[in-house]
C-alpha atoms as a PDB file:
ATOM      1  CA  MET A   1       7.325 -13.615   8.346  1.00  0.00           C
ATOM      2  CA  LYS A   2       6.894 -17.317   8.810  1.00  0.00           C
ATOM      3  CA  LEU A   3       3.687 -18.792   7.478  1.00  0.00           C
ATOM      4  CA  SER A   4       3.000 -20.890  10.552  1.00  0.00           C
ATOM      5  CA  LEU A   5       3.709 -17.973  12.897  1.00  0.00           C
ATOM      6  CA  LYS A   6       2.881 -14.839  10.976  1.00  0.00           C
ATOM      7  CA  THR A   7      -0.193 -16.200   9.246  1.00  0.00           C
ATOM      8  CA  PHE A   8      -3.905 -15.628   9.438  1.00  0.00           C
ATOM      9  CA  ASN A   9      -5.669 -18.119  11.650  1.00  0.00           C
ATOM     10  CA  LEU A  10      -8.880 -18.860   9.786  1.00  0.00           C
ATOM     11  CA  LEU A  11     -10.328 -20.970  12.587  1.00  0.00           C
ATOM     12  CA  GLY A  12      -9.665 -18.132  15.009  1.00  0.00           C
ATOM     13  CA  LEU A  13     -11.247 -15.784  12.500  1.00  0.00           C
ATOM     14  CA  LEU A  14     -14.509 -17.747  12.499  1.00  0.00           C
ATOM     15  CA  VAL A  15     -14.583 -17.961  16.284  1.00  0.00           C
ATOM     16  CA  THR A  16     -13.891 -14.250  16.603  1.00  0.00           C
ATOM     17  CA  ILE A  17     -16.652 -13.393  14.144  1.00  0.00           C
ATOM     18  CA  LEU A  18     -19.149 -15.473  16.104  1.00  0.00           C
ATOM     19  CA  LEU A  19     -18.121 -14.030  19.459  1.00  0.00           C
ATOM     20  CA  PHE A  20     -18.182 -10.429  18.400  1.00  0.00           C
ATOM     21  CA  SER A  21     -21.404 -10.735  16.450  1.00  0.00           C
ATOM     22  CA  ALA A  22     -23.125 -12.369  19.421  1.00  0.00           C
ATOM     23  CA  CYS A  23     -22.446  -9.635  21.948  1.00  0.00           C
ATOM     24  CA  GLY A  24     -22.007  -5.939  22.191  1.00  0.00           C
ATOM     25  CA  SER A  25     -23.069  -5.104  18.656  1.00  0.00           C
ATOM     26  CA  SER A  26     -25.411  -2.272  19.629  1.00  0.00           C
ATOM     27  CA  ASN A  27     -22.786  -0.584  21.826  1.00  0.00           C
ATOM     28  CA  LYS A  28     -20.160  -1.007  19.126  1.00  0.00           C
ATOM     29  CA  ASN A  29     -22.401   0.512  16.480  1.00  0.00           C
ATOM     30  CA  ARG A  30     -23.259   3.426  18.741  1.00  0.00           C
ATOM     31  CA  GLN A  31     -19.577   4.099  19.518  1.00  0.00           C
ATOM     32  CA  GLU A  32     -18.670   3.946  15.824  1.00  0.00           C
ATOM     33  CA  SER A  33     -21.502   6.307  14.935  1.00  0.00           C
ATOM     34  CA  GLU A  34     -20.421   8.784  17.591  1.00  0.00           C
ATOM     35  CA  THR A  35     -16.811   8.688  16.386  1.00  0.00           C
ATOM     36  CA  GLU A  36     -17.759   9.068  12.745  1.00  0.00           C
ATOM     37  CA  ASN A  37     -19.982  12.065  13.494  1.00  0.00           C
ATOM     38  CA  GLN A  38     -17.317  14.012  15.351  1.00  0.00           C
ATOM     39  CA  PRO A  39     -15.784  16.825  13.279  1.00  0.00           C
ATOM     40  CA  LEU A  40     -12.166  16.128  12.402  1.00  0.00           C
ATOM     41  CA  VAL A  41      -9.248  18.505  12.442  1.00  0.00           C
ATOM     42  CA  LYS A  42      -7.903  18.606   8.906  1.00  0.00           C
ATOM     43  CA  ALA A  43      -4.455  17.066   8.734  1.00  0.00           C
ATOM     44  CA  PRO A  44      -1.818  18.130   6.205  1.00  0.00           C
ATOM     45  CA  ASP A  45      -2.173  16.567   2.786  1.00  0.00           C
ATOM     46  CA  PHE A  46      -0.250  13.316   2.508  1.00  0.00           C
ATOM     47  CA  ASN A  47       1.792  13.025  -0.699  1.00  0.00           C
ATOM     48  CA  ALA A  48       1.832   9.486  -2.085  1.00  0.00           C
ATOM     49  CA  ASP A  49       4.349  10.416  -4.780  1.00  0.00           C
ATOM     50  CA  SER A  50       6.792  11.438  -2.066  1.00  0.00           C
ATOM     51  CA  ALA A  51       6.149   8.246  -0.093  1.00  0.00           C
ATOM     52  CA  TYR A  52       6.762   6.199  -3.242  1.00  0.00           C
ATOM     53  CA  LEU A  53      10.150   7.864  -3.768  1.00  0.00           C
ATOM     54  CA  TYR A  54      11.145   6.949  -0.198  1.00  0.00           C
ATOM     55  CA  ILE A  55      10.203   3.343  -0.968  1.00  0.00           C
ATOM     56  CA  LYS A  56      12.208   3.404  -4.183  1.00  0.00           C
ATOM     57  CA  LYS A  57      15.227   4.812  -2.367  1.00  0.00           C
ATOM     58  CA  GLN A  58      15.167   1.880   0.068  1.00  0.00           C
ATOM     59  CA  VAL A  59      14.759  -0.704  -2.686  1.00  0.00           C
ATOM     60  CA  ASP A  60      17.590   0.864  -4.669  1.00  0.00           C
ATOM     61  CA  PHE A  61      20.033  -0.066  -1.896  1.00  0.00           C
ATOM     62  CA  GLY A  62      19.260  -3.731  -2.561  1.00  0.00           C
ATOM     63  CA  PRO A  63      17.713  -6.219  -0.130  1.00  0.00           C
ATOM     64  CA  ARG A  64      18.047  -4.807   3.420  1.00  0.00           C
ATOM     65  CA  VAL A  65      19.154  -8.069   5.000  1.00  0.00           C
ATOM     66  CA  PRO A  66      21.068  -7.691   8.283  1.00  0.00           C
ATOM     67  CA  ASN A  67      24.864  -8.100   8.015  1.00  0.00           C
ATOM     68  CA  THR A  68      24.973  -6.763   4.449  1.00  0.00           C
ATOM     69  CA  ALA A  69      26.338  -3.527   3.002  1.00  0.00           C
ATOM     70  CA  ALA A  70      22.880  -2.651   1.630  1.00  0.00           C
ATOM     71  CA  HIS A  71      21.424  -2.959   5.118  1.00  0.00           C
ATOM     72  CA  ARG A  72      24.069  -0.713   6.655  1.00  0.00           C
ATOM     73  CA  SER A  73      23.744   1.922   3.941  1.00  0.00           C
ATOM     74  CA  CYS A  74      19.968   1.993   4.117  1.00  0.00           C
ATOM     75  CA  GLY A  75      20.054   2.280   7.904  1.00  0.00           C
ATOM     76  CA  ASP A  76      22.298   5.318   7.630  1.00  0.00           C
ATOM     77  CA  TYR A  77      19.930   6.834   5.072  1.00  0.00           C
ATOM     78  CA  LEU A  78      16.861   6.326   7.274  1.00  0.00           C
ATOM     79  CA  ALA A  79      18.509   7.833  10.348  1.00  0.00           C
ATOM     80  CA  LYS A  80      19.686  10.848   8.331  1.00  0.00           C
ATOM     81  CA  GLN A  81      16.247  11.336   6.821  1.00  0.00           C
ATOM     82  CA  LEU A  82      14.579  11.418  10.234  1.00  0.00           C
ATOM     83  CA  GLU A  83      17.217  13.823  11.487  1.00  0.00           C
ATOM     84  CA  SER A  84      16.740  16.073   8.438  1.00  0.00           C
ATOM     85  CA  PHE A  85      13.007  16.095   9.199  1.00  0.00           C
ATOM     86  CA  GLY A  86      13.638  17.487  12.667  1.00  0.00           C
ATOM     87  CA  ALA A  87      13.416  14.338  14.782  1.00  0.00           C
ATOM     88  CA  LYS A  88      15.579  13.560  17.769  1.00  0.00           C
ATOM     89  CA  VAL A  89      17.140  10.342  16.507  1.00  0.00           C
ATOM     90  CA  TYR A  90      18.071   7.323  18.601  1.00  0.00           C
ATOM     91  CA  ASN A  91      19.989   4.385  17.140  1.00  0.00           C
ATOM     92  CA  GLN A  92      19.674   1.108  18.974  1.00  0.00           C
ATOM     93  CA  TYR A  93      22.470  -1.223  17.904  1.00  0.00           C
ATOM     94  CA  ALA A  94      22.145  -4.804  19.079  1.00  0.00           C
ATOM     95  CA  ASP A  95      23.557  -8.238  18.334  1.00  0.00           C
ATOM     96  CA  LEU A  96      20.503 -10.451  17.936  1.00  0.00           C
ATOM     97  CA  MET A  97      20.699 -14.190  17.408  1.00  0.00           C
ATOM     98  CA  ALA A  98      18.775 -15.564  14.436  1.00  0.00           C
ATOM     99  CA  TYR A  99      17.021 -18.934  14.364  1.00  0.00           C
ATOM    100  CA  ASP A 100      20.162 -20.702  13.011  1.00  0.00           C
ATOM    101  CA  GLY A 101      22.639 -19.113  15.431  1.00  0.00           C
ATOM    102  CA  THR A 102      23.700 -16.326  13.079  1.00  0.00           C
ATOM    103  CA  MET A 103      24.464 -13.138  15.008  1.00  0.00           C
ATOM    104  CA  LEU A 104      22.643 -10.290  13.330  1.00  0.00           C
ATOM    105  CA  LYS A 105      24.054  -6.777  13.556  1.00  0.00           C
ATOM    106  CA  ALA A 106      20.676  -5.148  14.047  1.00  0.00           C
ATOM    107  CA  ARG A 107      19.686  -1.512  14.333  1.00  0.00           C
ATOM    108  CA  ASN A 108      16.399  -0.055  15.514  1.00  0.00           C
ATOM    109  CA  ILE A 109      16.033   3.551  14.381  1.00  0.00           C
ATOM    110  CA  ILE A 110      13.811   5.895  16.387  1.00  0.00           C
ATOM    111  CA  GLY A 111      12.781   9.447  15.565  1.00  0.00           C
ATOM    112  CA  ALA A 112      11.144  11.388  18.419  1.00  0.00           C
ATOM    113  CA  TYR A 113       9.052  14.521  17.867  1.00  0.00           C
ATOM    114  CA  ASN A 114       8.322  16.771  20.822  1.00  0.00           C
ATOM    115  CA  PRO A 115      10.313  14.335  22.994  1.00  0.00           C
ATOM    116  CA  ASP A 116       9.400  16.022  26.286  1.00  0.00           C
ATOM    117  CA  ALA A 117       5.639  15.620  25.802  1.00  0.00           C
ATOM    118  CA  LYS A 118       3.991  13.094  28.120  1.00  0.00           C
ATOM    119  CA  LYS A 119       1.139  12.401  25.695  1.00  0.00           C
ATOM    120  CA  ARG A 120       2.608  10.309  22.893  1.00  0.00           C
ATOM    121  CA  VAL A 121       1.623   8.054  19.998  1.00  0.00           C
ATOM    122  CA  LEU A 122       3.960   5.445  18.512  1.00  0.00           C
ATOM    123  CA  LEU A 123       4.162   4.829  14.753  1.00  0.00           C
ATOM    124  CA  ALA A 124       6.195   1.860  13.543  1.00  0.00           C
ATOM    125  CA  ALA A 125       7.229  -0.303  10.602  1.00  0.00           C
ATOM    126  CA  HIS A 126      10.034  -2.792  10.001  1.00  0.00           C
ATOM    127  CA  TRP A 127      12.805  -1.720   7.640  1.00  0.00           C
ATOM    128  CA  ASP A 128      14.651  -4.979   7.002  1.00  0.00           C
ATOM    129  CA  SER A 129      13.750  -7.296   4.148  1.00  0.00           C
ATOM    130  CA  ARG A 130      13.382 -11.052   3.973  1.00  0.00           C
ATOM    131  CA  PRO A 131      16.581 -13.014   3.172  1.00  0.00           C
ATOM    132  CA  TYR A 132      14.526 -15.780   1.559  1.00  0.00           C
ATOM    133  CA  ALA A 133      11.906 -15.850  -1.194  1.00  0.00           C
ATOM    134  CA  ASP A 134      10.529 -18.942   0.492  1.00  0.00           C
ATOM    135  CA  ALA A 135       6.963 -18.431  -0.764  1.00  0.00           C
ATOM    136  CA  ASP A 136       8.262 -18.426  -4.346  1.00  0.00           C
ATOM    137  CA  GLU A 137       9.423 -21.299  -6.541  1.00  0.00           C
ATOM    138  CA  GLU A 138      11.852 -23.603  -4.769  1.00  0.00           C
ATOM    139  CA  LYS A 139      14.774 -22.443  -6.898  1.00  0.00           C
ATOM    140  CA  HIS A 140      14.337 -18.938  -5.442  1.00  0.00           C
ATOM    141  CA  HIS A 141      13.994 -19.950  -1.790  1.00  0.00           C
ATOM    142  CA  HIS A 142      17.487 -18.746  -0.848  1.00  0.00           C
ATOM    143  CA  THR A 143      17.228 -15.460  -2.787  1.00  0.00           C
ATOM    144  CA  PRO A 144      16.658 -12.249  -0.798  1.00  0.00           C
ATOM    145  CA  ILE A 145      13.607 -10.189  -1.764  1.00  0.00           C
ATOM    146  CA  ASP A 146      13.298  -6.474  -2.484  1.00  0.00           C
ATOM    147  CA  GLY A 147      10.640  -6.091   0.186  1.00  0.00           C
ATOM    148  CA  ALA A 148       9.083  -3.082  -1.553  1.00  0.00           C
ATOM    149  CA  ASN A 149       5.737  -3.775   0.104  1.00  0.00           C
ATOM    150  CA  ASP A 150       6.821  -5.996   3.000  1.00  0.00           C
ATOM    151  CA  GLY A 151       8.956  -3.477   4.847  1.00  0.00           C
ATOM    152  CA  ALA A 152       9.717  -0.501   2.616  1.00  0.00           C
ATOM    153  CA  SER A 153       6.098   0.602   2.113  1.00  0.00           C
ATOM    154  CA  GLY A 154       5.481   1.185   5.819  1.00  0.00           C
ATOM    155  CA  VAL A 155       8.784   3.010   6.180  1.00  0.00           C
ATOM    156  CA  GLY A 156       8.019   5.147   3.130  1.00  0.00           C
ATOM    157  CA  VAL A 157       4.667   6.202   4.543  1.00  0.00           C
ATOM    158  CA  LEU A 158       6.245   7.082   7.886  1.00  0.00           C
ATOM    159  CA  LEU A 159       9.033   9.112   6.280  1.00  0.00           C
ATOM    160  CA  GLU A 160       6.414  11.169   4.447  1.00  0.00           C
ATOM    161  CA  ILE A 161       4.567  11.667   7.747  1.00  0.00           C
ATOM    162  CA  ALA A 162       7.860  12.701   9.369  1.00  0.00           C
ATOM    163  CA  ARG A 163       8.338  15.349   6.692  1.00  0.00           C
ATOM    164  CA  HIS A 164       5.001  16.872   7.689  1.00  0.00           C
ATOM    165  CA  LEU A 165       5.688  16.615  11.403  1.00  0.00           C
ATOM    166  CA  GLN A 166       8.632  18.949  10.951  1.00  0.00           C
ATOM    167  CA  GLN A 167       6.470  21.498   9.143  1.00  0.00           C
ATOM    168  CA  GLN A 168       3.359  21.303  11.313  1.00  0.00           C
ATOM    169  CA  ALA A 169       3.582  19.730  14.753  1.00  0.00           C
ATOM    170  CA  PRO A 170       0.510  17.939  16.164  1.00  0.00           C
ATOM    171  CA  ALA A 171      -0.651  18.566  19.722  1.00  0.00           C
ATOM    172  CA  ILE A 172       1.130  15.485  21.086  1.00  0.00           C
ATOM    173  CA  GLY A 173       4.517  13.800  20.915  1.00  0.00           C
ATOM    174  CA  ILE A 174       5.117  11.297  18.126  1.00  0.00           C
ATOM    175  CA  ASP A 175       7.711   8.535  18.010  1.00  0.00           C
ATOM    176  CA  ILE A 176       8.517   6.857  14.704  1.00  0.00           C
ATOM    177  CA  ILE A 177      10.283   3.516  15.081  1.00  0.00           C
ATOM    178  CA  PHE A 178      11.845   1.501  12.288  1.00  0.00           C
ATOM    179  CA  PHE A 179      12.235  -1.988  13.734  1.00  0.00           C
ATOM    180  CA  ASP A 180      14.991  -4.224  12.417  1.00  0.00           C
ATOM    181  CA  ALA A 181      15.267  -8.011  12.032  1.00  0.00           C
ATOM    182  CA  GLU A 182      11.514  -8.542  11.793  1.00  0.00           C
ATOM    183  CA  ASP A 183      11.724 -10.748   8.735  1.00  0.00           C
ATOM    184  CA  TYR A 184      14.680 -13.022   9.529  1.00  0.00           C
ATOM    185  CA  GLY A 185      12.428 -15.724  10.959  1.00  0.00           C
ATOM    186  CA  ILE A 186      12.854 -19.407  10.323  1.00  0.00           C
ATOM    187  CA  PRO A 187      12.082 -20.527   6.757  1.00  0.00           C
ATOM    188  CA  ASP A 188       9.969 -23.598   6.104  1.00  0.00           C
ATOM    189  CA  PHE A 189      12.896 -25.343   4.403  1.00  0.00           C
ATOM    190  CA  TYR A 190      15.112 -25.191   7.521  1.00  0.00           C
ATOM    191  CA  GLN A 191      15.684 -28.615   9.083  1.00  0.00           C
ATOM    192  CA  GLY A 192      17.729 -27.811  12.185  1.00  0.00           C
ATOM    193  CA  ASP A 193      16.878 -26.904  15.748  1.00  0.00           C
ATOM    194  CA  TYR A 194      15.830 -23.360  16.538  1.00  0.00           C
ATOM    195  CA  LYS A 195      14.630 -21.225  19.389  1.00  0.00           C
ATOM    196  CA  SER A 196      11.098 -19.890  19.627  1.00  0.00           C
ATOM    197  CA  ASP A 197      10.139 -16.318  18.716  1.00  0.00           C
ATOM    198  CA  THR A 198      12.458 -16.177  15.712  1.00  0.00           C
ATOM    199  CA  TRP A 199      10.480 -13.305  14.172  1.00  0.00           C
ATOM    200  CA  CYS A 200      10.343  -9.615  15.122  1.00  0.00           C
ATOM    201  CA  LEU A 201      13.725  -9.669  16.857  1.00  0.00           C
ATOM    202  CA  GLY A 202      14.121  -5.882  16.752  1.00  0.00           C
ATOM    203  CA  SER A 203      10.791  -5.161  18.410  1.00  0.00           C
ATOM    204  CA  GLN A 204      11.468  -7.858  20.999  1.00  0.00           C
ATOM    205  CA  TYR A 205      14.716  -6.082  21.861  1.00  0.00           C
ATOM    206  CA  TRP A 206      13.106  -2.631  21.937  1.00  0.00           C
ATOM    207  CA  GLY A 207      10.227  -3.946  24.019  1.00  0.00           C
ATOM    208  CA  ARG A 208      12.657  -5.097  26.696  1.00  0.00           C
ATOM    209  CA  ILE A 209      15.032  -2.133  26.358  1.00  0.00           C
ATOM    210  CA  PRO A 210      13.182   0.910  24.960  1.00  0.00           C
ATOM    211  CA  HIS A 211      15.070   3.928  23.641  1.00  0.00           C
ATOM    212  CA  THR A 212      14.077   5.932  26.733  1.00  0.00           C
ATOM    213  CA  PRO A 213      13.572   4.428  30.197  1.00  0.00           C
ATOM    214  CA  ASP A 214      10.010   3.419  31.079  1.00  0.00           C
ATOM    215  CA  TYR A 215       8.733   4.504  27.664  1.00  0.00           C
ATOM    216  CA  LYS A 216       4.949   4.905  27.418  1.00  0.00           C
ATOM    217  CA  ALA A 217       2.514   5.875  24.682  1.00  0.00           C
ATOM    218  CA  ARG A 218      -1.262   6.117  24.443  1.00  0.00           C
ATOM    219  CA  PHE A 219      -1.278   3.614  21.618  1.00  0.00           C
ATOM    220  CA  GLY A 220       0.761   2.514  18.638  1.00  0.00           C
ATOM    221  CA  ILE A 221       0.108   2.008  14.936  1.00  0.00           C
ATOM    222  CA  LEU A 222       2.159  -0.562  13.038  1.00  0.00           C
ATOM    223  CA  LEU A 223       2.265  -0.400   9.245  1.00  0.00           C
ATOM    224  CA  ASP A 224       3.073  -3.634   7.428  1.00  0.00           C
ATOM    225  CA  MET A 225       2.468  -4.280   3.728  1.00  0.00           C
ATOM    226  CA  VAL A 226       0.611  -1.004   3.189  1.00  0.00           C
ATOM    227  CA  GLY A 227       1.515  -0.384  -0.464  1.00  0.00           C
ATOM    228  CA  GLY A 228       0.125  -3.329  -2.400  1.00  0.00           C
ATOM    229  CA  LYS A 229      -2.334  -3.208  -5.275  1.00  0.00           C
ATOM    230  CA  ASN A 230      -5.958  -3.842  -4.297  1.00  0.00           C
ATOM    231  CA  ALA A 231      -4.963  -3.921  -0.640  1.00  0.00           C
ATOM    232  CA  THR A 232      -7.628  -4.399   2.012  1.00  0.00           C
ATOM    233  CA  PHE A 233      -7.130  -3.825   5.727  1.00  0.00           C
ATOM    234  CA  TYR A 234      -9.400  -5.822   8.004  1.00  0.00           C
ATOM    235  CA  TYR A 235      -9.533  -5.873  11.803  1.00  0.00           C
ATOM    236  CA  GLU A 236      -6.455  -7.910  12.762  1.00  0.00           C
ATOM    237  CA  GLY A 237      -7.238 -10.370  15.558  1.00  0.00           C
ATOM    238  CA  TYR A 238      -4.545  -9.542  18.114  1.00  0.00           C
ATOM    239  CA  SER A 239      -5.141  -5.819  17.618  1.00  0.00           C
ATOM    240  CA  LYS A 240      -8.857  -6.331  18.208  1.00  0.00           C
ATOM    241  CA  ARG A 241      -8.218  -8.082  21.517  1.00  0.00           C
ATOM    242  CA  THR A 242      -5.594  -5.705  22.859  1.00  0.00           C
ATOM    243  CA  ALA A 243      -6.108  -2.368  21.055  1.00  0.00           C
ATOM    244  CA  ASN A 244      -9.752  -2.359  20.024  1.00  0.00           C
ATOM    245  CA  GLN A 245     -10.499   1.270  20.893  1.00  0.00           C
ATOM    246  CA  PRO A 246      -7.723   2.867  18.827  1.00  0.00           C
ATOM    247  CA  MET A 247      -8.364   0.353  16.052  1.00  0.00           C
ATOM    248  CA  GLN A 248     -12.014   1.378  15.813  1.00  0.00           C
ATOM    249  CA  LYS A 249     -10.967   5.031  15.786  1.00  0.00           C
ATOM    250  CA  ILE A 250      -8.540   4.445  12.898  1.00  0.00           C
ATOM    251  CA  TRP A 251     -11.101   2.604  10.775  1.00  0.00           C
ATOM    252  CA  ASP A 252     -13.807   5.200  11.544  1.00  0.00           C
ATOM    253  CA  ILE A 253     -11.482   7.992  10.432  1.00  0.00           C
ATOM    254  CA  ALA A 254     -10.543   6.079   7.284  1.00  0.00           C
ATOM    255  CA  HIS A 255     -14.228   5.764   6.430  1.00  0.00           C
ATOM    256  CA  SER A 256     -14.868   9.440   7.120  1.00  0.00           C
ATOM    257  CA  LEU A 257     -12.095  10.218   4.606  1.00  0.00           C
ATOM    258  CA  GLY A 258     -13.677   8.009   1.963  1.00  0.00           C
ATOM    259  CA  TYR A 259     -11.295   5.046   2.135  1.00  0.00           C
ATOM    260  CA  THR A 260     -14.004   2.444   2.665  1.00  0.00           C
ATOM    261  CA  GLN A 261     -12.668   0.165  -0.077  1.00  0.00           C
ATOM    262  CA  TYR A 262      -9.355  -0.178   1.786  1.00  0.00           C
ATOM    263  CA  PHE A 263     -10.352  -0.238   5.460  1.00  0.00           C
ATOM    264  CA  ILE A 264     -12.888  -3.027   5.808  1.00  0.00           C
ATOM    265  CA  LYS A 265     -14.925  -3.130   9.017  1.00  0.00           C
ATOM    266  CA  ASN A 266     -14.860  -6.898   9.257  1.00  0.00           C
ATOM    267  CA  ASN A 267     -12.643  -9.345  11.096  1.00  0.00           C
ATOM    268  CA  GLY A 268      -9.500 -10.522   9.388  1.00  0.00           C
ATOM    269  CA  GLY A 269      -7.092 -13.072  10.751  1.00  0.00           C
ATOM    270  CA  GLU A 270      -4.542 -12.930  13.540  1.00  0.00           C
ATOM    271  CA  VAL A 271      -0.884 -12.358  12.827  1.00  0.00           C
ATOM    272  CA  THR A 272       2.342 -12.374  14.832  1.00  0.00           C
ATOM    273  CA  ASP A 273       3.971  -9.055  14.053  1.00  0.00           C
ATOM    274  CA  ASP A 274       5.912  -6.305  15.830  1.00  0.00           C
ATOM    275  CA  HIS A 275       2.733  -5.000  17.484  1.00  0.00           C
ATOM    276  CA  VAL A 276       2.558  -8.151  19.611  1.00  0.00           C
ATOM    277  CA  TYR A 277       5.860  -7.379  21.324  1.00  0.00           C
ATOM    278  CA  VAL A 278       5.083  -3.682  21.694  1.00  0.00           C
ATOM    279  CA  ASN A 279       2.060  -4.754  23.698  1.00  0.00           C
ATOM    280  CA  ASN A 280       3.569  -7.748  25.484  1.00  0.00           C
ATOM    281  CA  PHE A 281       6.701  -5.996  26.727  1.00  0.00           C
ATOM    282  CA  ARG A 282       5.599  -2.338  26.974  1.00  0.00           C
ATOM    283  CA  GLN A 283       1.844  -2.791  27.595  1.00  0.00           C
ATOM    284  CA  ILE A 284       1.141  -0.305  24.796  1.00  0.00           C
ATOM    285  CA  PRO A 285      -1.980  -1.180  22.771  1.00  0.00           C
ATOM    286  CA  CYS A 286      -0.773  -1.307  19.185  1.00  0.00           C
ATOM    287  CA  VAL A 287      -2.854  -1.646  16.017  1.00  0.00           C
ATOM    288  CA  ASP A 288      -1.482  -3.586  13.053  1.00  0.00           C
ATOM    289  CA  ILE A 289      -2.598  -2.100   9.727  1.00  0.00           C
ATOM    290  CA  ILE A 290      -1.717  -5.012   7.473  1.00  0.00           C
ATOM    291  CA  ASP A 291      -3.027  -6.158   4.115  1.00  0.00           C
ATOM    292  CA  PHE A 292      -5.381  -9.127   4.492  1.00  0.00           C
ATOM    293  CA  SER A 293      -6.394 -11.007   1.343  1.00  0.00           C
ATOM    294  CA  PRO A 294      -9.450 -13.122   2.224  1.00  0.00           C
ATOM    295  CA  ASN A 295      -9.277 -15.103  -1.025  1.00  0.00           C
ATOM    296  CA  SER A 296      -5.604 -15.975  -0.624  1.00  0.00           C
ATOM    297  CA  PRO A 297      -4.809 -19.426   0.846  1.00  0.00           C
ATOM    298  CA  ASP A 298      -2.529 -17.869   3.483  1.00  0.00           C
ATOM    299  CA  GLY A 299      -4.254 -14.492   3.864  1.00  0.00           C
ATOM    300  CA  PHE A 300      -1.308 -12.507   2.521  1.00  0.00           C
ATOM    301  CA  ASN A 301      -0.764 -10.405  -0.572  1.00  0.00           C
ATOM    302  CA  PRO A 302       0.254 -12.620  -3.550  1.00  0.00           C
ATOM    303  CA  THR A 303       3.724 -10.998  -3.654  1.00  0.00           C
ATOM    304  CA  TRP A 304       4.429 -11.879   0.001  1.00  0.00           C
ATOM    305  CA  HIS A 305       7.897 -13.435   0.413  1.00  0.00           C
ATOM    306  CA  THR A 306       8.380 -13.741  -3.331  1.00  0.00           C
ATOM    307  CA  LEU A 307      10.616 -11.990  -5.858  1.00  0.00           C
ATOM    308  CA  ASN A 308       7.509 -10.152  -7.061  1.00  0.00           C
ATOM    309  CA  ASP A 309       7.549  -7.973  -3.952  1.00  0.00           C
ATOM    310  CA  ASN A 310       9.069  -5.174  -5.997  1.00  0.00           C
ATOM    311  CA  LEU A 311       8.293  -1.606  -7.052  1.00  0.00           C
ATOM    312  CA  ASP A 312       6.100  -2.792  -9.940  1.00  0.00           C
ATOM    313  CA  ASN A 313       3.526  -3.939  -7.399  1.00  0.00           C
ATOM    314  CA  ILE A 314       3.375  -0.764  -5.300  1.00  0.00           C
ATOM    315  CA  ASP A 315       0.165   1.261  -5.640  1.00  0.00           C
ATOM    316  CA  LYS A 316       0.228   4.960  -4.782  1.00  0.00           C
ATOM    317  CA  ALA A 317      -3.523   4.931  -4.127  1.00  0.00           C
ATOM    318  CA  THR A 318      -2.997   2.439  -1.298  1.00  0.00           C
ATOM    319  CA  LEU A 319      -0.172   4.546   0.128  1.00  0.00           C
ATOM    320  CA  GLN A 320      -2.451   7.588   0.010  1.00  0.00           C
ATOM    321  CA  ALA A 321      -5.280   5.854   1.857  1.00  0.00           C
ATOM    322  CA  VAL A 322      -3.031   4.621   4.650  1.00  0.00           C
ATOM    323  CA  GLY A 323      -0.905   7.743   4.942  1.00  0.00           C
ATOM    324  CA  GLN A 324      -3.783  10.227   5.028  1.00  0.00           C
ATOM    325  CA  THR A 325      -5.650   8.081   7.537  1.00  0.00           C
ATOM    326  CA  VAL A 326      -2.714   7.805   9.931  1.00  0.00           C
ATOM    327  CA  MET A 327      -1.958  11.513   9.641  1.00  0.00           C
ATOM    328  CA  THR A 328      -5.566  12.400  10.398  1.00  0.00           C
ATOM    329  CA  VAL A 329      -5.490  10.142  13.451  1.00  0.00           C
ATOM    330  CA  ILE A 330      -2.418  11.756  14.991  1.00  0.00           C
ATOM    331  CA  TYR A 331      -3.405  15.339  14.186  1.00  0.00           C
ATOM    332  CA  ASN A 332      -6.721  14.733  15.967  1.00  0.00           C
ATOM    333  CA  GLU A 333      -5.114  13.529  19.187  1.00  0.00           C
ATOM    334  CA  LYS A 334      -5.407  16.068  22.026  1.00  0.00           C
END
């Protein structure tokens, strides 16, 4: 995640707040009230301890940087886990060029549940980790990070959801996608020439060449940095413009479950993440559930792109809030 690309645009935040507060507030409040008052189907109980162990397993491989042994081993583990949880697994192998010309041996991993169903919801996270701690002290800039929160937390939550999908199928089809090469974007210290769109290379590839021809879904949910301590999830700007209806539904359900301290019904910033390419290339509205820290200078969790993004800073209560919310959303789709 590059600060200048995958960062929260505070000016855009202020403009968005003004625009949305100036119009449509009564309709919005009425829609939220109606959604919150609808009885919910009880989803299976999400297990944050289990999700944490899936995060630990990923971190134990070492940094999941493309072209490394840790990356290959972890990819095999993730594919086998989805298969063991009853998914039809697709592996998308692709050579993707990084900002500096490095050819990345990338792998998108997809687990499909009820693959023949026309009504589908997409759940996604990126599974690679950043090759640079470029938000840390300068001496650490070329050190790969564990990516316990930035990468592994979203994957851990989705693996726990996959475990439940095998045991109790929802009424619709579910696709879980682990995107690769999200976090190999250009670092601030790089001085050479580079191409645009250096981030989210795996989702760019999948968006152009999905795992099944003409893939469609009602909407998508992207999980990014969903395990941090004191995490707060605001309305992300791009999601609000392109996937407002499912976003409101997710936050309403989170509030109905009691997770009001995590899911904040206020505007956050706008971020370039995998959800942008899911929407741009597949026209699937996709909601980014991503930690927004309003008091941080860049809007991100303090461990973002530092060596402190490790297991010590993963909070099971945050995993529980996100996991139970997402599970309740998908088990209430008809």
